[in-house]
Amino acid sequence: MAITPLNSFADVQDFLDQVLADNNEATALSFAPHKVFWRSLTYDQFVNGNVPGVTDPTTNLPMPVLVKGNSANSNLIMALQGIGATFGPDSVIGQMPANGPPFFTADQIASIAAWIDNGCPQ
């Protein structure tokens, strides 16, 4: 497994940008309700806030981006993996990015998960 070390929020932002650019998906995000939200949110909003413009289709409640220290229960990770009631194969939203494949690889997701599990260093 080739996990890229992500030591700060800036590293996460750059990593997300790079993966999407490598997969030719960056332009498609201009149509998403949340846009390139990791660039429009402050560190605190990203770590403690909700995905802009998106509500949980089953509860109509805002969707937190992540759970600090708990990647397994973070919407960002579940979205990238395409798992759970909201992002699974039979869900309304489905796996992200919405225009995939290609999707993030297991190693790429593990890199972001490690940053979350490490307490989201700023």
PDB file of N, CA and C in Angstrom:
ATOM      1  N   MET A   1       0.847  -1.173   0.000  1.00  0.00           N
ATOM      2  CA  MET A   1       0.000   0.000   0.000  1.00  0.00           C
ATOM      3  C   MET A   1       0.894   1.238   0.000  1.00  0.00           C
ATOM      4  N   ALA A   2       0.645   2.154  -0.911  1.00  0.00           N
ATOM      5  CA  ALA A   2       1.450   3.375  -1.036  1.00  0.00           C
ATOM      6  C   ALA A   2       0.655   4.576  -0.544  1.00  0.00           C
ATOM      7  N   ILE A   3       0.606   4.731   0.759  1.00  0.00           N
ATOM      8  CA  ILE A   3      -0.138   5.840   1.343  1.00  0.00           C
ATOM      9  C   ILE A   3       0.714   7.100   1.263  1.00  0.00           C
ATOM     10  N   THR A   4       0.123   8.157   0.736  1.00  0.00           N
ATOM     11  CA  THR A   4       0.781   9.453   0.678  1.00  0.00           C
ATOM     12  C   THR A   4       0.598  10.143   2.018  1.00  0.00           C
ATOM     13  N   PRO A   5       1.683  10.539   2.679  1.00  0.00           N
ATOM     14  CA  PRO A   5       1.527  11.213   3.973  1.00  0.00           C
ATOM     15  C   PRO A   5       0.874  12.592   3.791  1.00  0.00           C
ATOM     16  N   LEU A   6      -0.195  12.807   4.509  1.00  0.00           N
ATOM     17  CA  LEU A   6      -0.883  14.101   4.503  1.00  0.00           C
ATOM     18  C   LEU A   6      -0.758  14.669   5.908  1.00  0.00           C
ATOM     19  N   ASN A   7       0.039  15.718   6.044  1.00  0.00           N
ATOM     20  CA  ASN A   7       0.369  16.241   7.360  1.00  0.00           C
ATOM     21  C   ASN A   7      -0.381  17.503   7.743  1.00  0.00           C
ATOM     22  N   SER A   8      -1.197  18.015   6.832  1.00  0.00           N
ATOM     23  CA  SER A   8      -1.915  19.260   7.114  1.00  0.00           C
ATOM     24  C   SER A   8      -3.147  19.354   6.226  1.00  0.00           C
ATOM     25  N   PHE A   9      -4.014  20.291   6.542  1.00  0.00           N
ATOM     26  CA  PHE A   9      -5.198  20.540   5.725  1.00  0.00           C
ATOM     27  C   PHE A   9      -4.769  20.972   4.322  1.00  0.00           C
ATOM     28  N   ALA A  10      -3.718  21.771   4.224  1.00  0.00           N
ATOM     29  CA  ALA A  10      -3.215  22.188   2.912  1.00  0.00           C
ATOM     30  C   ALA A  10      -2.792  20.967   2.094  1.00  0.00           C
ATOM     31  N   ASP A  11      -2.159  19.991   2.733  1.00  0.00           N
ATOM     32  CA  ASP A  11      -1.790  18.753   2.040  1.00  0.00           C
ATOM     33  C   ASP A  11      -3.029  18.031   1.515  1.00  0.00           C
ATOM     34  N   VAL A  12      -4.084  17.982   2.324  1.00  0.00           N
ATOM     35  CA  VAL A  12      -5.331  17.319   1.923  1.00  0.00           C
ATOM     36  C   VAL A  12      -5.941  18.049   0.729  1.00  0.00           C
ATOM     37  N   GLN A  13      -5.993  19.375   0.806  1.00  0.00           N
ATOM     38  CA  GLN A  13      -6.547  20.157  -0.301  1.00  0.00           C
ATOM     39  C   GLN A  13      -5.781  19.883  -1.597  1.00  0.00           C
ATOM     40  N   ASP A  14      -4.468  19.954  -1.520  1.00  0.00           N
ATOM     41  CA  ASP A  14      -3.640  19.728  -2.704  1.00  0.00           C
ATOM     42  C   ASP A  14      -3.804  18.297  -3.229  1.00  0.00           C
ATOM     43  N   PHE A  15      -3.888  17.335  -2.316  1.00  0.00           N
ATOM     44  CA  PHE A  15      -4.044  15.929  -2.690  1.00  0.00           C
ATOM     45  C   PHE A  15      -5.362  15.710  -3.426  1.00  0.00           C
ATOM     46  N   LEU A  16      -6.466  16.251  -2.893  1.00  0.00           N
ATOM     47  CA  LEU A  16      -7.766  16.112  -3.544  1.00  0.00           C
ATOM     48  C   LEU A  16      -7.725  16.748  -4.931  1.00  0.00           C
ATOM     49  N   ASP A  17      -7.158  17.949  -5.025  1.00  0.00           N
ATOM     50  CA  ASP A  17      -7.031  18.623  -6.324  1.00  0.00           C
ATOM     51  C   ASP A  17      -6.261  17.748  -7.315  1.00  0.00           C
ATOM     52  N   GLN A  18      -5.142  17.197  -6.869  1.00  0.00           N
ATOM     53  CA  GLN A  18      -4.265  16.431  -7.759  1.00  0.00           C
ATOM     54  C   GLN A  18      -4.928  15.146  -8.241  1.00  0.00           C
ATOM     55  N   VAL A  19      -5.583  14.426  -7.330  1.00  0.00           N
ATOM     56  CA  VAL A  19      -6.245  13.178  -7.741  1.00  0.00           C
ATOM     57  C   VAL A  19      -7.328  13.475  -8.773  1.00  0.00           C
ATOM     58  N   LEU A  20      -8.116  14.500  -8.527  1.00  0.00           N
ATOM     59  CA  LEU A  20      -9.182  14.834  -9.477  1.00  0.00           C
ATOM     60  C   LEU A  20      -8.608  15.291 -10.812  1.00  0.00           C
ATOM     61  N   ALA A  21      -7.539  16.068 -10.780  1.00  0.00           N
ATOM     62  CA  ALA A  21      -6.902  16.499 -12.027  1.00  0.00           C
ATOM     63  C   ALA A  21      -6.337  15.306 -12.785  1.00  0.00           C
ATOM     64  N   ASP A  22      -5.685  14.396 -12.065  1.00  0.00           N
ATOM     65  CA  ASP A  22      -5.122  13.200 -12.699  1.00  0.00           C
ATOM     66  C   ASP A  22      -6.197  12.339 -13.346  1.00  0.00           C
ATOM     67  N   ASN A  23      -7.400  12.367 -12.775  1.00  0.00           N
ATOM     68  CA  ASN A  23      -8.516  11.575 -13.298  1.00  0.00           C
ATOM     69  C   ASN A  23      -9.407  12.374 -14.252  1.00  0.00           C
ATOM     70  N   ASN A  24      -8.967  13.591 -14.613  1.00  0.00           N
ATOM     71  CA  ASN A  24      -9.743  14.474 -15.495  1.00  0.00           C
ATOM     72  C   ASN A  24     -11.149  14.736 -14.975  1.00  0.00           C
ATOM     73  N   GLU A  25     -11.272  14.887 -13.665  1.00  0.00           N
ATOM     74  CA  GLU A  25     -12.587  15.086 -13.062  1.00  0.00           C
ATOM     75  C   GLU A  25     -12.774  16.477 -12.474  1.00  0.00           C
ATOM     76  N   ALA A  26     -11.754  17.296 -12.461  1.00  0.00           N
ATOM     77  CA  ALA A  26     -11.837  18.601 -11.809  1.00  0.00           C
ATOM     78  C   ALA A  26     -12.937  19.472 -12.408  1.00  0.00           C
ATOM     79  N   THR A  27     -13.102  19.483 -13.710  1.00  0.00           N
ATOM     80  CA  THR A  27     -14.108  20.322 -14.354  1.00  0.00           C
ATOM     81  C   THR A  27     -15.520  19.902 -13.977  1.00  0.00           C
ATOM     82  N   ALA A  28     -15.756  18.619 -13.822  1.00  0.00           N
ATOM     83  CA  ALA A  28     -17.094  18.124 -13.491  1.00  0.00           C
ATOM     84  C   ALA A  28     -17.572  18.654 -12.144  1.00  0.00           C
ATOM     85  N   LEU A  29     -16.640  18.949 -11.236  1.00  0.00           N
ATOM     86  CA  LEU A  29     -17.043  19.444  -9.920  1.00  0.00           C
ATOM     87  C   LEU A  29     -17.660  20.837  -9.983  1.00  0.00           C
ATOM     88  N   SER A  30     -17.437  21.565 -11.052  1.00  0.00           N
ATOM     89  CA  SER A  30     -18.056  22.889 -11.155  1.00  0.00           C
ATOM     90  C   SER A  30     -19.575  22.774 -11.240  1.00  0.00           C
ATOM     91  N   PHE A  31     -20.081  21.587 -11.568  1.00  0.00           N
ATOM     92  CA  PHE A  31     -21.523  21.367 -11.644  1.00  0.00           C
ATOM     93  C   PHE A  31     -22.105  20.763 -10.363  1.00  0.00           C
ATOM     94  N   ALA A  32     -21.257  20.280  -9.475  1.00  0.00           N
ATOM     95  CA  ALA A  32     -21.723  19.659  -8.236  1.00  0.00           C
ATOM     96  C   ALA A  32     -22.253  20.732  -7.283  1.00  0.00           C
ATOM     97  N   PRO A  33     -23.256  20.402  -6.447  1.00  0.00           N
ATOM     98  CA  PRO A  33     -23.791  21.411  -5.521  1.00  0.00           C
ATOM     99  C   PRO A  33     -22.755  21.885  -4.510  1.00  0.00           C
ATOM    100  N   HIS A  34     -21.780  21.052  -4.211  1.00  0.00           N
ATOM    101  CA  HIS A  34     -20.769  21.425  -3.217  1.00  0.00           C
ATOM    102  C   HIS A  34     -19.531  22.032  -3.839  1.00  0.00           C
ATOM    103  N   LYS A  35     -19.445  22.059  -5.174  1.00  0.00           N
ATOM    104  CA  LYS A  35     -18.280  22.565  -5.909  1.00  0.00           C
ATOM    105  C   LYS A  35     -17.004  21.920  -5.376  1.00  0.00           C
ATOM    106  N   VAL A  36     -15.909  22.643  -5.368  1.00  0.00           N
ATOM    107  CA  VAL A  36     -14.641  22.153  -4.832  1.00  0.00           C
ATOM    108  C   VAL A  36     -14.605  22.630  -3.372  1.00  0.00           C
ATOM    109  N   PHE A  37     -15.470  22.045  -2.552  1.00  0.00           N
ATOM    110  CA  PHE A  37     -15.741  22.564  -1.214  1.00  0.00           C
ATOM    111  C   PHE A  37     -14.511  22.622  -0.328  1.00  0.00           C
ATOM    112  N   TRP A  38     -13.547  21.737  -0.532  1.00  0.00           N
ATOM    113  CA  TRP A  38     -12.349  21.751   0.308  1.00  0.00           C
ATOM    114  C   TRP A  38     -11.526  23.009   0.078  1.00  0.00           C
ATOM    115  N   ARG A  39     -11.773  23.725  -1.005  1.00  0.00           N
ATOM    116  CA  ARG A  39     -11.080  24.986  -1.272  1.00  0.00           C
ATOM    117  C   ARG A  39     -11.865  26.187  -0.752  1.00  0.00           C
ATOM    118  N   SER A  40     -13.170  26.021  -0.569  1.00  0.00           N
ATOM    119  CA  SER A  40     -13.999  27.148  -0.131  1.00  0.00           C
ATOM    120  C   SER A  40     -14.193  27.187   1.385  1.00  0.00           C
ATOM    121  N   LEU A  41     -13.808  26.133   2.083  1.00  0.00           N
ATOM    122  CA  LEU A  41     -13.985  26.071   3.529  1.00  0.00           C
ATOM    123  C   LEU A  41     -12.667  26.329   4.252  1.00  0.00           C
ATOM    124  N   THR A  42     -12.776  26.934   5.424  1.00  0.00           N
ATOM    125  CA  THR A  42     -11.607  27.046   6.283  1.00  0.00           C
ATOM    126  C   THR A  42     -11.320  25.674   6.882  1.00  0.00           C
ATOM    127  N   TYR A  43     -10.175  25.550   7.502  1.00  0.00           N
ATOM    128  CA  TYR A  43      -9.844  24.297   8.188  1.00  0.00           C
ATOM    129  C   TYR A  43     -10.953  23.922   9.165  1.00  0.00           C
ATOM    130  N   ASP A  44     -11.375  24.861  10.002  1.00  0.00           N
ATOM    131  CA  ASP A  44     -12.403  24.578  11.005  1.00  0.00           C
ATOM    132  C   ASP A  44     -13.714  24.158  10.359  1.00  0.00           C
ATOM    133  N   GLN A  45     -14.103  24.809   9.284  1.00  0.00           N
ATOM    134  CA  GLN A  45     -15.340  24.442   8.599  1.00  0.00           C
ATOM    135  C   GLN A  45     -15.240  23.045   7.979  1.00  0.00           C
ATOM    136  N   PHE A  46     -14.077  22.711   7.451  1.00  0.00           N
ATOM    137  CA  PHE A  46     -13.885  21.400   6.837  1.00  0.00           C
ATOM    138  C   PHE A  46     -13.918  20.297   7.887  1.00  0.00           C
ATOM    139  N   VAL A  47     -13.238  20.527   8.996  1.00  0.00           N
ATOM    140  CA  VAL A  47     -13.114  19.507  10.034  1.00  0.00           C
ATOM    141  C   VAL A  47     -14.373  19.407  10.902  1.00  0.00           C
ATOM    142  N   ASN A  48     -15.036  20.525  11.147  1.00  0.00           N
ATOM    143  CA  ASN A  48     -16.186  20.537  12.065  1.00  0.00           C
ATOM    144  C   ASN A  48     -17.510  20.880  11.398  1.00  0.00           C
ATOM    145  N   GLY A  49     -17.493  21.151  10.098  1.00  0.00           N
ATOM    146  CA  GLY A  49     -18.699  21.618   9.424  1.00  0.00           C
ATOM    147  C   GLY A  49     -19.318  20.600   8.491  1.00  0.00           C
ATOM    148  N   ASN A  50     -20.204  21.110   7.666  1.00  0.00           N
ATOM    149  CA  ASN A  50     -20.993  20.286   6.757  1.00  0.00           C
ATOM    150  C   ASN A  50     -20.593  20.521   5.305  1.00  0.00           C
ATOM    151  N   VAL A  51     -20.908  19.552   4.462  1.00  0.00           N
ATOM    152  CA  VAL A  51     -20.671  19.702   3.037  1.00  0.00           C
ATOM    153  C   VAL A  51     -21.642  20.765   2.518  1.00  0.00           C
ATOM    154  N   PRO A  52     -21.144  21.852   1.926  1.00  0.00           N
ATOM    155  CA  PRO A  52     -22.026  22.934   1.470  1.00  0.00           C
ATOM    156  C   PRO A  52     -23.015  22.472   0.404  1.00  0.00           C
ATOM    157  N   GLY A  53     -24.267  22.861   0.580  1.00  0.00           N
ATOM    158  CA  GLY A  53     -25.287  22.605  -0.424  1.00  0.00           C
ATOM    159  C   GLY A  53     -25.793  21.178  -0.505  1.00  0.00           C
ATOM    160  N   VAL A  54     -25.381  20.303   0.420  1.00  0.00           N
ATOM    161  CA  VAL A  54     -25.777  18.893   0.354  1.00  0.00           C
ATOM    162  C   VAL A  54     -26.420  18.490   1.676  1.00  0.00           C
ATOM    163  N   THR A  55     -27.576  17.853   1.581  1.00  0.00           N
ATOM    164  CA  THR A  55     -28.223  17.291   2.772  1.00  0.00           C
ATOM    165  C   THR A  55     -28.360  15.791   2.587  1.00  0.00           C
ATOM    166  N   ASP A  56     -28.427  15.099   3.687  1.00  0.00           N
ATOM    167  CA  ASP A  56     -28.612  13.655   3.662  1.00  0.00           C
ATOM    168  C   ASP A  56     -29.984  13.371   3.053  1.00  0.00           C
ATOM    169  N   PRO A  57     -30.054  12.599   1.975  1.00  0.00           N
ATOM    170  CA  PRO A  57     -31.340  12.354   1.322  1.00  0.00           C
ATOM    171  C   PRO A  57     -32.337  11.585   2.183  1.00  0.00           C
ATOM    172  N   THR A  58     -31.868  10.876   3.193  1.00  0.00           N
ATOM    173  CA  THR A  58     -32.801  10.114   4.035  1.00  0.00           C
ATOM    174  C   THR A  58     -33.297  10.922   5.229  1.00  0.00           C
ATOM    175  N   THR A  59     -32.512  11.909   5.675  1.00  0.00           N
ATOM    176  CA  THR A  59     -32.907  12.685   6.860  1.00  0.00           C
ATOM    177  C   THR A  59     -33.148  14.159   6.571  1.00  0.00           C
ATOM    178  N   ASN A  60     -32.704  14.642   5.420  1.00  0.00           N
ATOM    179  CA  ASN A  60     -32.739  16.057   5.058  1.00  0.00           C
ATOM    180  C   ASN A  60     -31.918  16.931   5.997  1.00  0.00           C
ATOM    181  N   LEU A  61     -30.994  16.328   6.738  1.00  0.00           N
ATOM    182  CA  LEU A  61     -30.112  17.081   7.632  1.00  0.00           C
ATOM    183  C   LEU A  61     -28.786  17.347   6.926  1.00  0.00           C
ATOM    184  N   PRO A  62     -28.088  18.408   7.342  1.00  0.00           N
ATOM    185  CA  PRO A  62     -26.768  18.665   6.766  1.00  0.00           C
ATOM    186  C   PRO A  62     -25.854  17.462   6.974  1.00  0.00           C
ATOM    187  N   MET A  63     -24.902  17.311   6.074  1.00  0.00           N
ATOM    188  CA  MET A  63     -23.979  16.181   6.125  1.00  0.00           C
ATOM    189  C   MET A  63     -22.600  16.663   6.567  1.00  0.00           C
ATOM    190  N   PRO A  64     -22.166  16.271   7.762  1.00  0.00           N
ATOM    191  CA  PRO A  64     -20.815  16.640   8.185  1.00  0.00           C
ATOM    192  C   PRO A  64     -19.783  16.087   7.210  1.00  0.00           C
ATOM    193  N   VAL A  65     -18.731  16.866   6.962  1.00  0.00           N
ATOM    194  CA  VAL A  65     -17.674  16.409   6.065  1.00  0.00           C
ATOM    195  C   VAL A  65     -17.007  15.177   6.648  1.00  0.00           C
ATOM    196  N   LEU A  66     -16.654  15.243   7.938  1.00  0.00           N
ATOM    197  CA  LEU A  66     -15.924  14.144   8.555  1.00  0.00           C
ATOM    198  C   LEU A  66     -16.151  14.096  10.052  1.00  0.00           C
ATOM    199  N   VAL A  67     -15.682  13.035  10.649  1.00  0.00           N
ATOM    200  CA  VAL A  67     -15.673  12.871  12.104  1.00  0.00           C
ATOM    201  C   VAL A  67     -14.202  12.815  12.500  1.00  0.00           C
ATOM    202  N   LYS A  68     -13.740  13.876  13.129  1.00  0.00           N
ATOM    203  CA  LYS A  68     -12.323  13.988  13.485  1.00  0.00           C
ATOM    204  C   LYS A  68     -11.889  12.773  14.303  1.00  0.00           C
ATOM    205  N   GLY A  69     -10.818  12.112  13.855  1.00  0.00           N
ATOM    206  CA  GLY A  69     -10.301  10.936  14.536  1.00  0.00           C
ATOM    207  C   GLY A  69     -11.010   9.638  14.197  1.00  0.00           C
ATOM    208  N   ASN A  70     -12.008   9.691  13.278  1.00  0.00           N
ATOM    209  CA  ASN A  70     -12.811   8.506  12.985  1.00  0.00           C
ATOM    210  C   ASN A  70     -13.152   8.470  11.494  1.00  0.00           C
ATOM    211  N   SER A  71     -12.208   8.039  10.700  1.00  0.00           N
ATOM    212  CA  SER A  71     -12.437   8.032   9.252  1.00  0.00           C
ATOM    213  C   SER A  71     -13.558   7.079   8.838  1.00  0.00           C
ATOM    214  N   ALA A  72     -13.703   5.971   9.544  1.00  0.00           N
ATOM    215  CA  ALA A  72     -14.714   4.980   9.168  1.00  0.00           C
ATOM    216  C   ALA A  72     -16.128   5.542   9.203  1.00  0.00           C
ATOM    217  N   ASN A  73     -16.367   6.542  10.035  1.00  0.00           N
ATOM    218  CA  ASN A  73     -17.694   7.160  10.132  1.00  0.00           C
ATOM    219  C   ASN A  73     -17.735   8.551   9.519  1.00  0.00           C
ATOM    220  N   SER A  74     -16.760   8.864   8.687  1.00  0.00           N
ATOM    221  CA  SER A  74     -16.687  10.164   8.033  1.00  0.00           C
ATOM    222  C   SER A  74     -17.335  10.097   6.654  1.00  0.00           C
ATOM    223  N   ASN A  75     -18.227  11.047   6.383  1.00  0.00           N
ATOM    224  CA  ASN A  75     -18.919  11.062   5.095  1.00  0.00           C
ATOM    225  C   ASN A  75     -17.946  11.175   3.922  1.00  0.00           C
ATOM    226  N   LEU A  76     -16.864  11.919   4.090  1.00  0.00           N
ATOM    227  CA  LEU A  76     -15.889  12.040   3.014  1.00  0.00           C
ATOM    228  C   LEU A  76     -15.345  10.671   2.604  1.00  0.00           C
ATOM    229  N   ILE A  77     -14.980   9.864   3.570  1.00  0.00           N
ATOM    230  CA  ILE A  77     -14.429   8.535   3.278  1.00  0.00           C
ATOM    231  C   ILE A  77     -15.509   7.611   2.726  1.00  0.00           C
ATOM    232  N   MET A  78     -16.690   7.620   3.324  1.00  0.00           N
ATOM    233  CA  MET A  78     -17.766   6.760   2.814  1.00  0.00           C
ATOM    234  C   MET A  78     -18.137   7.137   1.384  1.00  0.00           C
ATOM    235  N   ALA A  79     -18.112   8.440   1.073  1.00  0.00           N
ATOM    236  CA  ALA A  79     -18.428   8.885  -0.290  1.00  0.00           C
ATOM    237  C   ALA A  79     -17.384   8.399  -1.283  1.00  0.00           C
ATOM    238  N   LEU A  80     -16.115   8.512  -0.902  1.00  0.00           N
ATOM    239  CA  LEU A  80     -15.044   8.085  -1.802  1.00  0.00           C
ATOM    240  C   LEU A  80     -15.019   6.566  -1.978  1.00  0.00           C
ATOM    241  N   GLN A  81     -15.430   5.825  -0.941  1.00  0.00           N
ATOM    242  CA  GLN A  81     -15.478   4.365  -1.024  1.00  0.00           C
ATOM    243  C   GLN A  81     -16.761   3.850  -1.680  1.00  0.00           C
ATOM    244  N   GLY A  82     -17.804   4.681  -1.670  1.00  0.00           N
ATOM    245  CA  GLY A  82     -19.090   4.251  -2.209  1.00  0.00           C
ATOM    246  C   GLY A  82     -19.783   3.246  -1.314  1.00  0.00           C
ATOM    247  N   ILE A  83     -19.773   3.527   0.010  1.00  0.00           N
ATOM    248  CA  ILE A  83     -20.393   2.610   0.971  1.00  0.00           C
ATOM    249  C   ILE A  83     -21.432   3.330   1.827  1.00  0.00           C
ATOM    250  N   GLY A  84     -22.278   2.555   2.446  1.00  0.00           N
ATOM    251  CA  GLY A  84     -23.271   3.082   3.372  1.00  0.00           C
ATOM    252  C   GLY A  84     -24.588   3.420   2.692  1.00  0.00           C
ATOM    253  N   ALA A  85     -25.547   3.792   3.508  1.00  0.00           N
ATOM    254  CA  ALA A  85     -26.896   4.074   3.011  1.00  0.00           C
ATOM    255  C   ALA A  85     -26.927   5.274   2.073  1.00  0.00           C
ATOM    256  N   THR A  86     -26.032   6.219   2.269  1.00  0.00           N
ATOM    257  CA  THR A  86     -26.039   7.433   1.452  1.00  0.00           C
ATOM    258  C   THR A  86     -25.187   7.311   0.201  1.00  0.00           C
ATOM    259  N   PHE A  87     -24.096   6.555   0.273  1.00  0.00           N
ATOM    260  CA  PHE A  87     -23.150   6.517  -0.847  1.00  0.00           C
ATOM    261  C   PHE A  87     -22.985   5.143  -1.480  1.00  0.00           C
ATOM    262  N   GLY A  88     -23.712   4.147  -1.003  1.00  0.00           N
ATOM    263  CA  GLY A  88     -23.612   2.799  -1.539  1.00  0.00           C
ATOM    264  C   GLY A  88     -24.159   2.697  -2.951  1.00  0.00           C
ATOM    265  N   PRO A  89     -23.989   1.548  -3.565  1.00  0.00           N
ATOM    266  CA  PRO A  89     -24.388   1.370  -4.963  1.00  0.00           C
ATOM    267  C   PRO A  89     -25.880   1.590  -5.233  1.00  0.00           C
ATOM    268  N   ASP A  90     -26.720   1.336  -4.246  1.00  0.00           N
ATOM    269  CA  ASP A  90     -28.160   1.498  -4.451  1.00  0.00           C
ATOM    270  C   ASP A  90     -28.710   2.767  -3.812  1.00  0.00           C
ATOM    271  N   SER A  91     -27.835   3.693  -3.424  1.00  0.00           N
ATOM    272  CA  SER A  91     -28.271   4.909  -2.739  1.00  0.00           C
ATOM    273  C   SER A  91     -28.578   6.029  -3.731  1.00  0.00           C
ATOM    274  N   VAL A  92     -29.164   7.084  -3.210  1.00  0.00           N
ATOM    275  CA  VAL A  92     -29.527   8.228  -4.043  1.00  0.00           C
ATOM    276  C   VAL A  92     -28.290   8.967  -4.535  1.00  0.00           C
ATOM    277  N   ILE A  93     -27.300   9.160  -3.662  1.00  0.00           N
ATOM    278  CA  ILE A  93     -26.119   9.928  -4.043  1.00  0.00           C
ATOM    279  C   ILE A  93     -25.093   9.061  -4.756  1.00  0.00           C
ATOM    280  N   GLY A  94     -24.725   7.935  -4.187  1.00  0.00           N
ATOM    281  CA  GLY A  94     -23.749   7.049  -4.803  1.00  0.00           C
ATOM    282  C   GLY A  94     -22.318   7.471  -4.545  1.00  0.00           C
ATOM    283  N   GLN A  95     -21.402   6.708  -5.097  1.00  0.00           N
ATOM    284  CA  GLN A  95     -19.975   6.930  -4.882  1.00  0.00           C
ATOM    285  C   GLN A  95     -19.524   8.235  -5.525  1.00  0.00           C
ATOM    286  N   MET A  96     -18.615   8.903  -4.860  1.00  0.00           N
ATOM    287  CA  MET A  96     -18.051  10.142  -5.353  1.00  0.00           C
ATOM    288  C   MET A  96     -16.653   9.888  -5.884  1.00  0.00           C
ATOM    289  N   PRO A  97     -16.200  10.634  -6.819  1.00  0.00           N
ATOM    290  CA  PRO A  97     -16.902  11.701  -7.510  1.00  0.00           C
ATOM    291  C   PRO A  97     -18.015  11.163  -8.410  1.00  0.00           C
ATOM    292  N   ALA A  98     -19.051  11.958  -8.542  1.00  0.00           N
ATOM    293  CA  ALA A  98     -20.273  11.514  -9.203  1.00  0.00           C
ATOM    294  C   ALA A  98     -20.068  11.085 -10.650  1.00  0.00           C
ATOM    295  N   ASN A  99     -19.096  11.664 -11.321  1.00  0.00           N
ATOM    296  CA  ASN A  99     -18.899  11.307 -12.725  1.00  0.00           C
ATOM    297  C   ASN A  99     -17.888  10.169 -12.912  1.00  0.00           C
ATOM    298  N   GLY A 100     -17.499   9.512 -11.781  1.00  0.00           N
ATOM    299  CA  GLY A 100     -16.572   8.380 -11.874  1.00  0.00           C
ATOM    300  C   GLY A 100     -17.265   7.185 -12.486  1.00  0.00           C
ATOM    301  N   PRO A 101     -16.543   6.164 -12.885  1.00  0.00           N
ATOM    302  CA  PRO A 101     -15.109   6.018 -12.719  1.00  0.00           C
ATOM    303  C   PRO A 101     -14.342   6.907 -13.688  1.00  0.00           C
ATOM    304  N   PRO A 102     -13.082   7.174 -13.378  1.00  0.00           N
ATOM    305  CA  PRO A 102     -12.340   6.562 -12.285  1.00  0.00           C
ATOM    306  C   PRO A 102     -12.721   7.160 -10.937  1.00  0.00           C
ATOM    307  N   PHE A 103     -12.570   6.342  -9.924  1.00  0.00           N
ATOM    308  CA  PHE A 103     -12.771   6.757  -8.544  1.00  0.00           C
ATOM    309  C   PHE A 103     -11.417   6.797  -7.854  1.00  0.00           C
ATOM    310  N   PHE A 104     -11.390   7.289  -6.633  1.00  0.00           N
ATOM    311  CA  PHE A 104     -10.159   7.275  -5.846  1.00  0.00           C
ATOM    312  C   PHE A 104      -9.760   5.829  -5.597  1.00  0.00           C
ATOM    313  N   THR A 105      -8.475   5.560  -5.602  1.00  0.00           N
ATOM    314  CA  THR A 105      -7.985   4.214  -5.319  1.00  0.00           C
ATOM    315  C   THR A 105      -8.032   3.962  -3.812  1.00  0.00           C
ATOM    316  N   ALA A 106      -7.899   2.711  -3.429  1.00  0.00           N
ATOM    317  CA  ALA A 106      -7.869   2.358  -2.006  1.00  0.00           C
ATOM    318  C   ALA A 106      -6.714   3.071  -1.300  1.00  0.00           C
ATOM    319  N   ASP A 107      -5.553   3.170  -1.946  1.00  0.00           N
ATOM    320  CA  ASP A 107      -4.409   3.862  -1.341  1.00  0.00           C
ATOM    321  C   ASP A 107      -4.677   5.348  -1.170  1.00  0.00           C
ATOM    322  N   GLN A 108      -5.300   5.964  -2.155  1.00  0.00           N
ATOM    323  CA  GLN A 108      -5.616   7.394  -2.052  1.00  0.00           C
ATOM    324  C   GLN A 108      -6.603   7.652  -0.919  1.00  0.00           C
ATOM    325  N   ILE A 109      -7.610   6.804  -0.811  1.00  0.00           N
ATOM    326  CA  ILE A 109      -8.584   6.941   0.281  1.00  0.00           C
ATOM    327  C   ILE A 109      -7.905   6.700   1.618  1.00  0.00           C
ATOM    328  N   ALA A 110      -7.008   5.722   1.671  1.00  0.00           N
ATOM    329  CA  ALA A 110      -6.284   5.434   2.912  1.00  0.00           C
ATOM    330  C   ALA A 110      -5.435   6.622   3.352  1.00  0.00           C
ATOM    331  N   SER A 111      -4.894   7.373   2.409  1.00  0.00           N
ATOM    332  CA  SER A 111      -4.109   8.562   2.748  1.00  0.00           C
ATOM    333  C   SER A 111      -4.972   9.598   3.461  1.00  0.00           C
ATOM    334  N   ILE A 112      -6.164   9.842   2.930  1.00  0.00           N
ATOM    335  CA  ILE A 112      -7.072  10.806   3.554  1.00  0.00           C
ATOM    336  C   ILE A 112      -7.573  10.263   4.883  1.00  0.00           C
ATOM    337  N   ALA A 113      -7.900   8.976   4.939  1.00  0.00           N
ATOM    338  CA  ALA A 113      -8.370   8.354   6.185  1.00  0.00           C
ATOM    339  C   ALA A 113      -7.315   8.447   7.279  1.00  0.00           C
ATOM    340  N   ALA A 114      -6.053   8.248   6.919  1.00  0.00           N
ATOM    341  CA  ALA A 114      -4.978   8.335   7.914  1.00  0.00           C
ATOM    342  C   ALA A 114      -4.897   9.741   8.498  1.00  0.00           C
ATOM    343  N   TRP A 115      -5.072  10.765   7.668  1.00  0.00           N
ATOM    344  CA  TRP A 115      -5.065  12.148   8.158  1.00  0.00           C
ATOM    345  C   TRP A 115      -6.224  12.362   9.133  1.00  0.00           C
ATOM    346  N   ILE A 116      -7.414  11.861   8.803  1.00  0.00           N
ATOM    347  CA  ILE A 116      -8.574  11.991   9.689  1.00  0.00           C
ATOM    348  C   ILE A 116      -8.328  11.238  10.996  1.00  0.00           C
ATOM    349  N   ASP A 117      -7.867   9.995  10.882  1.00  0.00           N
ATOM    350  CA  ASP A 117      -7.629   9.176  12.086  1.00  0.00           C
ATOM    351  C   ASP A 117      -6.538   9.752  12.967  1.00  0.00           C
ATOM    352  N   ASN A 118      -5.639  10.527  12.376  1.00  0.00           N
ATOM    353  CA  ASN A 118      -4.568  11.183  13.110  1.00  0.00           C
ATOM    354  C   ASN A 118      -5.029  12.483  13.765  1.00  0.00           C
ATOM    355  N   GLY A 119      -6.326  12.753  13.727  1.00  0.00           N
ATOM    356  CA  GLY A 119      -6.874  13.940  14.372  1.00  0.00           C
ATOM    357  C   GLY A 119      -6.922  15.174  13.502  1.00  0.00           C
ATOM    358  N   CYS A 120      -6.743  15.009  12.200  1.00  0.00           N
ATOM    359  CA  CYS A 120      -6.820  16.111  11.241  1.00  0.00           C
ATOM    360  C   CYS A 120      -5.823  17.232  11.558  1.00  0.00           C
ATOM    361  N   PRO A 121      -4.528  16.945  11.546  1.00  0.00           N
ATOM    362  CA  PRO A 121      -3.548  18.002  11.827  1.00  0.00           C
ATOM    363  C   PRO A 121      -3.756  19.208  10.907  1.00  0.00           C
ATOM    364  N   GLN A 122      -3.624  20.367  11.498  1.00  0.00           N
ATOM    365  CA  GLN A 122      -3.861  21.601  10.754  1.00  0.00           C
ATOM    366  C   GLN A 122      -2.633  21.958   9.947  1.00  0.00           C
TER     367      GLN A 122
END
